[in-house]
Amino acid sequence: MKVKRSLRIAELLKRDISGIIATRVRDSLVKSVLITYVKVSDDLKHARIYYRTLQHENELADIDMALVKVTNFLRLELGKMTNLRYVPELKFFYDNVFDEANRIDSLLEKLKEED
C-alpha cells in the first residue's frame, strides 16, 4: 500500500527539526523541546509541530515565544537539508496528550477507590 506523501514529509520534518534543535539552536528554552508529532497538510504548505518540554508548565508562554522566534531559522535550515520544493509554514503546539492521559488515569483511580 502506498503511504501518503504528507505522512512521509511529516516524519522527515520531525527528524530534521529535532536534529536542528539539538545541534544548531542556541536558545536553552528551545533546546528543552522534544518534538512528539508532526502533521502536514495534504498540499504540503502547512505543518503543525507538536512538542513536549522538560521545563515547568509556567514557562510554556516563554517557550512558545522562543519557538516563534526560531521558526524562520528552522525553515531556512530545512530548506538546506531537504529537497522539498516548498518548505511548509511551521506552527508549534504544546502536546498535552500525556497530561490528559494522566488526568483520566487519576479520575479512574478515584472511581476505583470509591467502589
PDB file of N, CA and C in Angstrom:
ATOM      1  N   MET A   1       0.843  -1.169   0.000  1.00  0.00           N
ATOM      2  CA  MET A   1       0.000   0.000   0.000  1.00  0.00           C
ATOM      3  C   MET A   1       0.897   1.244   0.000  1.00  0.00           C
ATOM      4  N   LYS A   2       0.511   2.228  -0.771  1.00  0.00           N
ATOM      5  CA  LYS A   2       1.296   3.438  -0.905  1.00  0.00           C
ATOM      6  C   LYS A   2       1.027   4.374   0.277  1.00  0.00           C
ATOM      7  N   VAL A   3       2.099   4.823   0.906  1.00  0.00           N
ATOM      8  CA  VAL A   3       1.974   5.726   2.044  1.00  0.00           C
ATOM      9  C   VAL A   3       1.751   7.142   1.518  1.00  0.00           C
ATOM     10  N   LYS A   4       0.840   7.842   2.156  1.00  0.00           N
ATOM     11  CA  LYS A   4       0.533   9.206   1.769  1.00  0.00           C
ATOM     12  C   LYS A   4       1.787  10.079   1.872  1.00  0.00           C
ATOM     13  N   ARG A   5       2.003  10.932   0.879  1.00  0.00           N
ATOM     14  CA  ARG A   5       3.210  11.755   0.853  1.00  0.00           C
ATOM     15  C   ARG A   5       3.295  12.661   2.077  1.00  0.00           C
ATOM     16  N   SER A   6       2.164  13.199   2.518  1.00  0.00           N
ATOM     17  CA  SER A   6       2.190  14.102   3.675  1.00  0.00           C
ATOM     18  C   SER A   6       2.700  13.388   4.929  1.00  0.00           C
ATOM     19  N   LEU A   7       2.430  12.090   5.057  1.00  0.00           N
ATOM     20  CA  LEU A   7       2.938  11.330   6.208  1.00  0.00           C
ATOM     21  C   LEU A   7       4.456  11.163   6.140  1.00  0.00           C
ATOM     22  N   ARG A   8       4.971  10.906   4.936  1.00  0.00           N
ATOM     23  CA  ARG A   8       6.424  10.788   4.766  1.00  0.00           C
ATOM     24  C   ARG A   8       7.112  12.115   5.067  1.00  0.00           C
ATOM     25  N   ILE A   9       6.535  13.212   4.569  1.00  0.00           N
ATOM     26  CA  ILE A   9       7.101  14.541   4.806  1.00  0.00           C
ATOM     27  C   ILE A   9       7.045  14.865   6.301  1.00  0.00           C
ATOM     28  N   ALA A  10       5.959  14.480   6.973  1.00  0.00           N
ATOM     29  CA  ALA A  10       5.824  14.736   8.411  1.00  0.00           C
ATOM     30  C   ALA A  10       6.945  14.047   9.185  1.00  0.00           C
ATOM     31  N   GLU A  11       7.238  12.798   8.857  1.00  0.00           N
ATOM     32  CA  GLU A  11       8.324  12.079   9.534  1.00  0.00           C
ATOM     33  C   GLU A  11       9.675  12.723   9.248  1.00  0.00           C
ATOM     34  N   LEU A  12       9.876  13.157   7.999  1.00  0.00           N
ATOM     35  CA  LEU A  12      11.111  13.843   7.622  1.00  0.00           C
ATOM     36  C   LEU A  12      11.269  15.130   8.430  1.00  0.00           C
ATOM     37  N   LEU A  13      10.195  15.912   8.527  1.00  0.00           N
ATOM     38  CA  LEU A  13      10.246  17.166   9.274  1.00  0.00           C
ATOM     39  C   LEU A  13      10.505  16.915  10.757  1.00  0.00           C
ATOM     40  N   LYS A  14       9.863  15.907  11.311  1.00  0.00           N
ATOM     41  CA  LYS A  14      10.062  15.589  12.731  1.00  0.00           C
ATOM     42  C   LYS A  14      11.527  15.277  13.004  1.00  0.00           C
ATOM     43  N   ARG A  15      12.105  14.440  12.186  1.00  0.00           N
ATOM     44  CA  ARG A  15      13.509  14.050  12.360  1.00  0.00           C
ATOM     45  C   ARG A  15      14.447  15.248  12.189  1.00  0.00           C
ATOM     46  N   ASP A  16      14.226  16.019  11.115  1.00  0.00           N
ATOM     47  CA  ASP A  16      15.137  17.120  10.812  1.00  0.00           C
ATOM     48  C   ASP A  16      14.998  18.282  11.791  1.00  0.00           C
ATOM     49  N   ILE A  17      13.778  18.622  12.183  1.00  0.00           N
ATOM     50  CA  ILE A  17      13.599  19.706  13.154  1.00  0.00           C
ATOM     51  C   ILE A  17      14.226  19.315  14.489  1.00  0.00           C
ATOM     52  N   SER A  18      14.041  18.072  14.898  1.00  0.00           N
ATOM     53  CA  SER A  18      14.663  17.603  16.145  1.00  0.00           C
ATOM     54  C   SER A  18      16.181  17.725  16.066  1.00  0.00           C
ATOM     55  N   GLY A  19      16.739  17.366  14.928  1.00  0.00           N
ATOM     56  CA  GLY A  19      18.186  17.465  14.745  1.00  0.00           C
ATOM     57  C   GLY A  19      18.683  18.897  14.761  1.00  0.00           C
ATOM     58  N   ILE A  20      17.955  19.785  14.108  1.00  0.00           N
ATOM     59  CA  ILE A  20      18.342  21.201  14.086  1.00  0.00           C
ATOM     60  C   ILE A  20      18.293  21.783  15.494  1.00  0.00           C
ATOM     61  N   ILE A  21      17.230  21.476  16.222  1.00  0.00           N
ATOM     62  CA  ILE A  21      17.103  21.983  17.594  1.00  0.00           C
ATOM     63  C   ILE A  21      18.253  21.468  18.457  1.00  0.00           C
ATOM     64  N   ALA A  22      18.602  20.216  18.294  1.00  0.00           N
ATOM     65  CA  ALA A  22      19.658  19.616  19.122  1.00  0.00           C
ATOM     66  C   ALA A  22      21.042  20.168  18.796  1.00  0.00           C
ATOM     67  N   THR A  23      21.291  20.495  17.530  1.00  0.00           N
ATOM     68  CA  THR A  23      22.656  20.838  17.136  1.00  0.00           C
ATOM     69  C   THR A  23      22.888  22.297  16.771  1.00  0.00           C
ATOM     70  N   ARG A  24      21.870  23.006  16.305  1.00  0.00           N
ATOM     71  CA  ARG A  24      22.124  24.340  15.765  1.00  0.00           C
ATOM     72  C   ARG A  24      21.436  25.486  16.490  1.00  0.00           C
ATOM     73  N   VAL A  25      20.496  25.183  17.352  1.00  0.00           N
ATOM     74  CA  VAL A  25      19.777  26.238  18.070  1.00  0.00           C
ATOM     75  C   VAL A  25      20.484  26.499  19.394  1.00  0.00           C
ATOM     76  N   ARG A  26      20.654  27.780  19.733  1.00  0.00           N
ATOM     77  CA  ARG A  26      21.372  28.137  20.959  1.00  0.00           C
ATOM     78  C   ARG A  26      20.452  28.392  22.147  1.00  0.00           C
ATOM     79  N   ASP A  27      19.209  28.744  21.895  1.00  0.00           N
ATOM     80  CA  ASP A  27      18.269  29.108  22.958  1.00  0.00           C
ATOM     81  C   ASP A  27      17.977  27.890  23.837  1.00  0.00           C
ATOM     82  N   SER A  28      18.239  28.012  25.133  1.00  0.00           N
ATOM     83  CA  SER A  28      18.062  26.874  26.045  1.00  0.00           C
ATOM     84  C   SER A  28      16.597  26.469  26.181  1.00  0.00           C
ATOM     85  N   LEU A  29      15.673  27.427  26.063  1.00  0.00           N
ATOM     86  CA  LEU A  29      14.254  27.075  26.124  1.00  0.00           C
ATOM     87  C   LEU A  29      13.866  26.198  24.938  1.00  0.00           C
ATOM     88  N   VAL A  30      14.366  26.556  23.756  1.00  0.00           N
ATOM     89  CA  VAL A  30      14.055  25.764  22.560  1.00  0.00           C
ATOM     90  C   VAL A  30      14.744  24.411  22.640  1.00  0.00           C
ATOM     91  N   LYS A  31      15.945  24.374  23.180  1.00  0.00           N
ATOM     92  CA  LYS A  31      16.657  23.098  23.313  1.00  0.00           C
ATOM     93  C   LYS A  31      15.940  22.129  24.248  1.00  0.00           C
ATOM     94  N   SER A  32      15.084  22.650  25.132  1.00  0.00           N
ATOM     95  CA  SER A  32      14.346  21.784  26.058  1.00  0.00           C
ATOM     96  C   SER A  32      13.130  21.134  25.404  1.00  0.00           C
ATOM     97  N   VAL A  33      12.896  21.445  24.140  1.00  0.00           N
ATOM     98  CA  VAL A  33      11.711  20.964  23.425  1.00  0.00           C
ATOM     99  C   VAL A  33      11.981  19.599  22.801  1.00  0.00           C
ATOM    100  N   LEU A  34      10.995  18.717  22.917  1.00  0.00           N
ATOM    101  CA  LEU A  34      11.032  17.403  22.275  1.00  0.00           C
ATOM    102  C   LEU A  34       9.861  17.341  21.299  1.00  0.00           C
ATOM    103  N   ILE A  35      10.150  17.150  20.030  1.00  0.00           N
ATOM    104  CA  ILE A  35       9.100  17.072  19.013  1.00  0.00           C
ATOM    105  C   ILE A  35       8.436  15.704  19.131  1.00  0.00           C
ATOM    106  N   THR A  36       7.118  15.699  19.351  1.00  0.00           N
ATOM    107  CA  THR A  36       6.403  14.437  19.540  1.00  0.00           C
ATOM    108  C   THR A  36       5.641  13.997  18.301  1.00  0.00           C
ATOM    109  N   TYR A  37       5.177  14.959  17.518  1.00  0.00           N
ATOM    110  CA  TYR A  37       4.320  14.615  16.383  1.00  0.00           C
ATOM    111  C   TYR A  37       4.313  15.774  15.406  1.00  0.00           C
ATOM    112  N   VAL A  38       4.258  15.462  14.121  1.00  0.00           N
ATOM    113  CA  VAL A  38       4.137  16.485  13.082  1.00  0.00           C
ATOM    114  C   VAL A  38       3.001  16.088  12.165  1.00  0.00           C
ATOM    115  N   LYS A  39       2.147  17.039  11.862  1.00  0.00           N
ATOM    116  CA  LYS A  39       1.049  16.806  10.925  1.00  0.00           C
ATOM    117  C   LYS A  39       1.188  17.816   9.795  1.00  0.00           C
ATOM    118  N   VAL A  40       1.264  17.306   8.576  1.00  0.00           N
ATOM    119  CA  VAL A  40       1.436  18.149   7.397  1.00  0.00           C
ATOM    120  C   VAL A  40       0.143  18.135   6.598  1.00  0.00           C
ATOM    121  N   SER A  41      -0.254  19.313   6.107  1.00  0.00           N
ATOM    122  CA  SER A  41      -1.469  19.400   5.300  1.00  0.00           C
ATOM    123  C   SER A  41      -1.271  18.649   3.986  1.00  0.00           C
ATOM    124  N   ASP A  42      -2.369  18.267   3.352  1.00  0.00           N
ATOM    125  CA  ASP A  42      -2.293  17.500   2.105  1.00  0.00           C
ATOM    126  C   ASP A  42      -1.583  18.265   0.993  1.00  0.00           C
ATOM    127  N   ASP A  43      -1.682  19.605   1.010  1.00  0.00           N
ATOM    128  CA  ASP A  43      -0.994  20.392  -0.019  1.00  0.00           C
ATOM    129  C   ASP A  43       0.466  20.675   0.345  1.00  0.00           C
ATOM    130  N   LEU A  44       0.913  20.170   1.502  1.00  0.00           N
ATOM    131  CA  LEU A  44       2.297  20.264   1.981  1.00  0.00           C
ATOM    132  C   LEU A  44       2.745  21.693   2.269  1.00  0.00           C
ATOM    133  N   LYS A  45       1.826  22.608   2.438  1.00  0.00           N
ATOM    134  CA  LYS A  45       2.188  24.010   2.666  1.00  0.00           C
ATOM    135  C   LYS A  45       2.184  24.398   4.142  1.00  0.00           C
ATOM    136  N   HIS A  46       1.576  23.587   4.991  1.00  0.00           N
ATOM    137  CA  HIS A  46       1.477  23.901   6.415  1.00  0.00           C
ATOM    138  C   HIS A  46       1.822  22.665   7.244  1.00  0.00           C
ATOM    139  N   ALA A  47       2.549  22.896   8.322  1.00  0.00           N
ATOM    140  CA  ALA A  47       2.897  21.796   9.225  1.00  0.00           C
ATOM    141  C   ALA A  47       2.605  22.216  10.658  1.00  0.00           C
ATOM    142  N   ARG A  48       1.901  21.352  11.365  1.00  0.00           N
ATOM    143  CA  ARG A  48       1.624  21.556  12.790  1.00  0.00           C
ATOM    144  C   ARG A  48       2.627  20.702  13.554  1.00  0.00           C
ATOM    145  N   ILE A  49       3.468  21.367  14.351  1.00  0.00           N
ATOM    146  CA  ILE A  49       4.523  20.692  15.086  1.00  0.00           C
ATOM    147  C   ILE A  49       4.090  20.609  16.555  1.00  0.00           C
ATOM    148  N   TYR A  50       3.923  19.399  17.061  1.00  0.00           N
ATOM    149  CA  TYR A  50       3.529  19.198  18.454  1.00  0.00           C
ATOM    150  C   TYR A  50       4.774  18.865  19.270  1.00  0.00           C
ATOM    151  N   TYR A  51       4.872  19.470  20.447  1.00  0.00           N
ATOM    152  CA  TYR A  51       6.072  19.288  21.257  1.00  0.00           C
ATOM    153  C   TYR A  51       5.737  19.107  22.729  1.00  0.00           C
ATOM    154  N   ARG A  52       6.689  18.524  23.439  1.00  0.00           N
ATOM    155  CA  ARG A  52       6.681  18.432  24.902  1.00  0.00           C
ATOM    156  C   ARG A  52       7.936  19.151  25.375  1.00  0.00           C
ATOM    157  N   THR A  53       7.985  19.447  26.648  1.00  0.00           N
ATOM    158  CA  THR A  53       9.168  20.107  27.183  1.00  0.00           C
ATOM    159  C   THR A  53       9.480  19.581  28.578  1.00  0.00           C
ATOM    160  N   LEU A  54      10.728  19.714  28.957  1.00  0.00           N
ATOM    161  CA  LEU A  54      11.155  19.319  30.291  1.00  0.00           C
ATOM    162  C   LEU A  54      10.987  20.462  31.285  1.00  0.00           C
ATOM    163  N   GLN A  55      10.691  21.650  30.777  1.00  0.00           N
ATOM    164  CA  GLN A  55      10.512  22.826  31.629  1.00  0.00           C
ATOM    165  C   GLN A  55       9.168  22.768  32.342  1.00  0.00           C
ATOM    166  N   HIS A  56       8.985  23.653  33.302  1.00  0.00           N
ATOM    167  CA  HIS A  56       7.725  23.743  34.030  1.00  0.00           C
ATOM    168  C   HIS A  56       6.644  24.340  33.139  1.00  0.00           C
ATOM    169  N   GLU A  57       5.404  23.995  33.429  1.00  0.00           N
ATOM    170  CA  GLU A  57       4.286  24.478  32.621  1.00  0.00           C
ATOM    171  C   GLU A  57       4.169  25.995  32.634  1.00  0.00           C
ATOM    172  N   ASN A  58       4.639  26.650  33.697  1.00  0.00           N
ATOM    173  CA  ASN A  58       4.536  28.103  33.735  1.00  0.00           C
ATOM    174  C   ASN A  58       5.498  28.782  32.761  1.00  0.00           C
ATOM    175  N   GLU A  59       6.384  28.025  32.135  1.00  0.00           N
ATOM    176  CA  GLU A  59       7.302  28.570  31.140  1.00  0.00           C
ATOM    177  C   GLU A  59       6.818  28.335  29.711  1.00  0.00           C
ATOM    178  N   LEU A  60       5.632  27.775  29.537  1.00  0.00           N
ATOM    179  CA  LEU A  60       5.140  27.465  28.191  1.00  0.00           C
ATOM    180  C   LEU A  60       5.006  28.704  27.323  1.00  0.00           C
ATOM    181  N   ALA A  61       4.559  29.811  27.888  1.00  0.00           N
ATOM    182  CA  ALA A  61       4.415  31.042  27.101  1.00  0.00           C
ATOM    183  C   ALA A  61       5.776  31.505  26.586  1.00  0.00           C
ATOM    184  N   ASP A  62       6.804  31.420  27.435  1.00  0.00           N
ATOM    185  CA  ASP A  62       8.154  31.798  27.012  1.00  0.00           C
ATOM    186  C   ASP A  62       8.676  30.854  25.935  1.00  0.00           C
ATOM    187  N   ILE A  63       8.389  29.584  26.085  1.00  0.00           N
ATOM    188  CA  ILE A  63       8.817  28.601  25.089  1.00  0.00           C
ATOM    189  C   ILE A  63       8.117  28.858  23.761  1.00  0.00           C
ATOM    190  N   ASP A  64       6.816  29.140  23.812  1.00  0.00           N
ATOM    191  CA  ASP A  64       6.083  29.456  22.579  1.00  0.00           C
ATOM    192  C   ASP A  64       6.700  30.654  21.868  1.00  0.00           C
ATOM    193  N   MET A  65       7.033  31.697  22.629  1.00  0.00           N
ATOM    194  CA  MET A  65       7.651  32.882  22.021  1.00  0.00           C
ATOM    195  C   MET A  65       9.014  32.543  21.428  1.00  0.00           C
ATOM    196  N   ALA A  66       9.785  31.731  22.125  1.00  0.00           N
ATOM    197  CA  ALA A  66      11.102  31.337  21.626  1.00  0.00           C
ATOM    198  C   ALA A  66      10.976  30.521  20.342  1.00  0.00           C
ATOM    199  N   LEU A  67       9.975  29.650  20.281  1.00  0.00           N
ATOM    200  CA  LEU A  67       9.766  28.854  19.067  1.00  0.00           C
ATOM    201  C   LEU A  67       9.351  29.733  17.895  1.00  0.00           C
ATOM    202  N   VAL A  68       8.529  30.732  18.151  1.00  0.00           N
ATOM    203  CA  VAL A  68       8.138  31.662  17.086  1.00  0.00           C
ATOM    204  C   VAL A  68       9.374  32.385  16.553  1.00  0.00           C
ATOM    205  N   LYS A  69      10.278  32.764  17.449  1.00  0.00           N
ATOM    206  CA  LYS A  69      11.492  33.477  17.038  1.00  0.00           C
ATOM    207  C   LYS A  69      12.407  32.624  16.165  1.00  0.00           C
ATOM    208  N   VAL A  70      12.460  31.318  16.405  1.00  0.00           N
ATOM    209  CA  VAL A  70      13.373  30.470  15.625  1.00  0.00           C
ATOM    210  C   VAL A  70      12.701  29.813  14.418  1.00  0.00           C
ATOM    211  N   THR A  71      11.420  30.083  14.198  1.00  0.00           N
ATOM    212  CA  THR A  71      10.702  29.425  13.104  1.00  0.00           C
ATOM    213  C   THR A  71      11.343  29.698  11.750  1.00  0.00           C
ATOM    214  N   ASN A  72      11.685  30.959  11.465  1.00  0.00           N
ATOM    215  CA  ASN A  72      12.301  31.266  10.168  1.00  0.00           C
ATOM    216  C   ASN A  72      13.650  30.582  10.017  1.00  0.00           C
ATOM    217  N   PHE A  73      14.428  30.541  11.098  1.00  0.00           N
ATOM    218  CA  PHE A  73      15.709  29.840  11.066  1.00  0.00           C
ATOM    219  C   PHE A  73      15.504  28.356  10.773  1.00  0.00           C
ATOM    220  N   LEU A  74      14.512  27.750  11.430  1.00  0.00           N
ATOM    221  CA  LEU A  74      14.222  26.332  11.196  1.00  0.00           C
ATOM    222  C   LEU A  74      13.837  26.085   9.743  1.00  0.00           C
ATOM    223  N   ARG A  75      13.003  26.953   9.183  1.00  0.00           N
ATOM    224  CA  ARG A  75      12.592  26.783   7.784  1.00  0.00           C
ATOM    225  C   ARG A  75      13.789  26.922   6.841  1.00  0.00           C
ATOM    226  N   LEU A  76      14.654  27.876   7.129  1.00  0.00           N
ATOM    227  CA  LEU A  76      15.851  28.070   6.315  1.00  0.00           C
ATOM    228  C   LEU A  76      16.736  26.823   6.354  1.00  0.00           C
ATOM    229  N   GLU A  77      16.962  26.295   7.548  1.00  0.00           N
ATOM    230  CA  GLU A  77      17.779  25.090   7.691  1.00  0.00           C
ATOM    231  C   GLU A  77      17.115  23.879   7.031  1.00  0.00           C
ATOM    232  N   LEU A  78      15.799  23.771   7.164  1.00  0.00           N
ATOM    233  CA  LEU A  78      15.085  22.670   6.499  1.00  0.00           C
ATOM    234  C   LEU A  78      15.239  22.767   4.988  1.00  0.00           C
ATOM    235  N   GLY A  79      15.194  23.980   4.462  1.00  0.00           N
ATOM    236  CA  GLY A  79      15.382  24.178   3.026  1.00  0.00           C
ATOM    237  C   GLY A  79      16.744  23.702   2.560  1.00  0.00           C
ATOM    238  N   LYS A  80      17.760  23.899   3.393  1.00  0.00           N
ATOM    239  CA  LYS A  80      19.108  23.441   3.052  1.00  0.00           C
ATOM    240  C   LYS A  80      19.235  21.923   3.146  1.00  0.00           C
ATOM    241  N   MET A  81      18.537  21.328   4.112  1.00  0.00           N
ATOM    242  CA  MET A  81      18.693  19.897   4.393  1.00  0.00           C
ATOM    243  C   MET A  81      17.847  18.997   3.502  1.00  0.00           C
ATOM    244  N   THR A  82      16.714  19.487   3.061  1.00  0.00           N
ATOM    245  CA  THR A  82      15.775  18.645   2.324  1.00  0.00           C
ATOM    246  C   THR A  82      15.728  19.065   0.867  1.00  0.00           C
ATOM    247  N   ASN A  83      15.155  18.229   0.055  1.00  0.00           N
ATOM    248  CA  ASN A  83      14.983  18.585  -1.351  1.00  0.00           C
ATOM    249  C   ASN A  83      13.526  18.939  -1.641  1.00  0.00           C
ATOM    250  N   LEU A  84      12.854  19.483  -0.639  1.00  0.00           N
ATOM    251  CA  LEU A  84      11.464  19.895  -0.828  1.00  0.00           C
ATOM    252  C   LEU A  84      11.422  21.160  -1.681  1.00  0.00           C
ATOM    253  N   ARG A  85      10.485  21.193  -2.589  1.00  0.00           N
ATOM    254  CA  ARG A  85      10.314  22.374  -3.422  1.00  0.00           C
ATOM    255  C   ARG A  85       9.854  23.561  -2.582  1.00  0.00           C
ATOM    256  N   TYR A  86       9.027  23.266  -1.590  1.00  0.00           N
ATOM    257  CA  TYR A  86       8.475  24.303  -0.724  1.00  0.00           C
ATOM    258  C   TYR A  86       8.559  23.807   0.719  1.00  0.00           C
ATOM    259  N   VAL A  87       9.189  24.589   1.573  1.00  0.00           N
ATOM    260  CA  VAL A  87       9.247  24.230   2.994  1.00  0.00           C
ATOM    261  C   VAL A  87       7.968  24.748   3.646  1.00  0.00           C
ATOM    262  N   PRO A  88       7.222  23.893   4.308  1.00  0.00           N
ATOM    263  CA  PRO A  88       5.931  24.310   4.870  1.00  0.00           C
ATOM    264  C   PRO A  88       6.063  25.394   5.942  1.00  0.00           C
ATOM    265  N   GLU A  89       4.991  26.153   6.099  1.00  0.00           N
ATOM    266  CA  GLU A  89       4.879  27.079   7.226  1.00  0.00           C
ATOM    267  C   GLU A  89       4.795  26.223   8.486  1.00  0.00           C
ATOM    268  N   LEU A  90       5.538  26.595   9.509  1.00  0.00           N
ATOM    269  CA  LEU A  90       5.581  25.810  10.741  1.00  0.00           C
ATOM    270  C   LEU A  90       4.796  26.509  11.844  1.00  0.00           C
ATOM    271  N   LYS A  91       3.916  25.764  12.489  1.00  0.00           N
ATOM    272  CA  LYS A  91       3.169  26.259  13.652  1.00  0.00           C
ATOM    273  C   LYS A  91       3.400  25.268  14.786  1.00  0.00           C
ATOM    274  N   PHE A  92       3.750  25.786  15.947  1.00  0.00           N
ATOM    275  CA  PHE A  92       4.063  24.934  17.091  1.00  0.00           C
ATOM    276  C   PHE A  92       2.907  24.899  18.083  1.00  0.00           C
ATOM    277  N   PHE A  93       2.648  23.696  18.614  1.00  0.00           N
ATOM    278  CA  PHE A  93       1.572  23.481  19.576  1.00  0.00           C
ATOM    279  C   PHE A  93       2.085  22.584  20.697  1.00  0.00           C
ATOM    280  N   TYR A  94       1.760  22.955  21.929  1.00  0.00           N
ATOM    281  CA  TYR A  94       2.128  22.119  23.068  1.00  0.00           C
ATOM    282  C   TYR A  94       1.293  20.844  23.019  1.00  0.00           C
ATOM    283  N   ASP A  95       1.934  19.709  23.147  1.00  0.00           N
ATOM    284  CA  ASP A  95       1.264  18.410  23.094  1.00  0.00           C
ATOM    285  C   ASP A  95       0.821  18.020  24.501  1.00  0.00           C
ATOM    286  N   ASN A  96      -0.471  18.166  24.768  1.00  0.00           N
ATOM    287  CA  ASN A  96      -0.976  17.884  26.113  1.00  0.00           C
ATOM    288  C   ASN A  96      -1.628  16.506  26.217  1.00  0.00           C
ATOM    289  N   VAL A  97      -1.358  15.627  25.290  1.00  0.00           N
ATOM    290  CA  VAL A  97      -1.938  14.281  25.309  1.00  0.00           C
ATOM    291  C   VAL A  97      -1.555  13.544  26.590  1.00  0.00           C
ATOM    292  N   PHE A  98      -0.293  13.660  26.990  1.00  0.00           N
ATOM    293  CA  PHE A  98       0.162  12.962  28.197  1.00  0.00           C
ATOM    294  C   PHE A  98      -0.501  13.538  29.444  1.00  0.00           C
ATOM    295  N   ASP A  99      -0.675  14.851  29.471  1.00  0.00           N
ATOM    296  CA  ASP A  99      -1.347  15.485  30.610  1.00  0.00           C
ATOM    297  C   ASP A  99      -2.787  15.004  30.718  1.00  0.00           C
ATOM    298  N   GLU A 100      -3.462  14.921  29.572  1.00  0.00           N
ATOM    299  CA  GLU A 100      -4.850  14.446  29.568  1.00  0.00           C
ATOM    300  C   GLU A 100      -4.926  12.978  29.993  1.00  0.00           C
ATOM    301  N   ALA A 101      -3.979  12.178  29.529  1.00  0.00           N
ATOM    302  CA  ALA A 101      -3.962  10.761  29.913  1.00  0.00           C
ATOM    303  C   ALA A 101      -3.756  10.617  31.421  1.00  0.00           C
ATOM    304  N   ASN A 102      -2.859  11.412  31.980  1.00  0.00           N
ATOM    305  CA  ASN A 102      -2.640  11.371  33.435  1.00  0.00           C
ATOM    306  C   ASN A 102      -3.881  11.808  34.198  1.00  0.00           C
ATOM    307  N   ARG A 103      -4.569  12.816  33.686  1.00  0.00           N
ATOM    308  CA  ARG A 103      -5.785  13.300  34.335  1.00  0.00           C
ATOM    309  C   ARG A 103      -6.857  12.213  34.328  1.00  0.00           C
ATOM    310  N   ILE A 104      -7.010  11.539  33.198  1.00  0.00           N
ATOM    311  CA  ILE A 104      -8.001  10.463  33.086  1.00  0.00           C
ATOM    312  C   ILE A 104      -7.631   9.301  34.006  1.00  0.00           C
ATOM    313  N   ASP A 105      -6.335   8.960  34.047  1.00  0.00           N
ATOM    314  CA  ASP A 105      -5.884   7.894  34.955  1.00  0.00           C
ATOM    315  C   ASP A 105      -6.205   8.218  36.408  1.00  0.00           C
ATOM    316  N   SER A 106      -5.975   9.459  36.800  1.00  0.00           N
ATOM    317  CA  SER A 106      -6.255   9.825  38.194  1.00  0.00           C
ATOM    318  C   SER A 106      -7.752   9.784  38.480  1.00  0.00           C
ATOM    319  N   LEU A 107      -8.575  10.170  37.511  1.00  0.00           N
ATOM    320  CA  LEU A 107     -10.026  10.067  37.690  1.00  0.00           C
ATOM    321  C   LEU A 107     -10.463   8.610  37.831  1.00  0.00           C
ATOM    322  N   LEU A 108      -9.885   7.735  37.030  1.00  0.00           N
ATOM    323  CA  LEU A 108     -10.214   6.315  37.121  1.00  0.00           C
ATOM    324  C   LEU A 108      -9.774   5.733  38.459  1.00  0.00           C
ATOM    325  N   GLU A 109      -8.621   6.161  38.950  1.00  0.00           N
ATOM    326  CA  GLU A 109      -8.147   5.698  40.258  1.00  0.00           C
ATOM    327  C   GLU A 109      -9.102   6.138  41.367  1.00  0.00           C
ATOM    328  N   LYS A 110      -9.587   7.369  41.282  1.00  0.00           N
ATOM    329  CA  LYS A 110     -10.539   7.862  42.285  1.00  0.00           C
ATOM    330  C   LYS A 110     -11.823   7.048  42.259  1.00  0.00           C
ATOM    331  N   LEU A 111     -12.296   6.736  41.045  1.00  0.00           N
ATOM    332  CA  LEU A 111     -13.506   5.923  40.923  1.00  0.00           C
ATOM    333  C   LEU A 111     -13.292   4.531  41.508  1.00  0.00           C
ATOM    334  N   LYS A 112     -12.122   3.972  41.267  1.00  0.00           N
ATOM    335  CA  LYS A 112     -11.805   2.639  41.781  1.00  0.00           C
ATOM    336  C   LYS A 112     -11.762   2.648  43.308  1.00  0.00           C
ATOM    337  N   GLU A 113     -11.221   3.712  43.889  1.00  0.00           N
ATOM    338  CA  GLU A 113     -11.142   3.825  45.347  1.00  0.00           C
ATOM    339  C   GLU A 113     -12.520   3.976  45.977  1.00  0.00           C
ATOM    340  N   GLU A 114     -13.433   4.634  45.269  1.00  0.00           N
ATOM    341  CA  GLU A 114     -14.776   4.853  45.801  1.00  0.00           C
ATOM    342  C   GLU A 114     -15.604   3.569  45.819  1.00  0.00           C
ATOM    343  N   ASP A 115     -15.279   2.631  44.962  1.00  0.00           N
ATOM    344  CA  ASP A 115     -16.049   1.369  44.897  1.00  0.00           C
ATOM    345  C   ASP A 115     -15.737   0.432  45.999  1.00  0.00           C
TER     346      ASP A 115
END
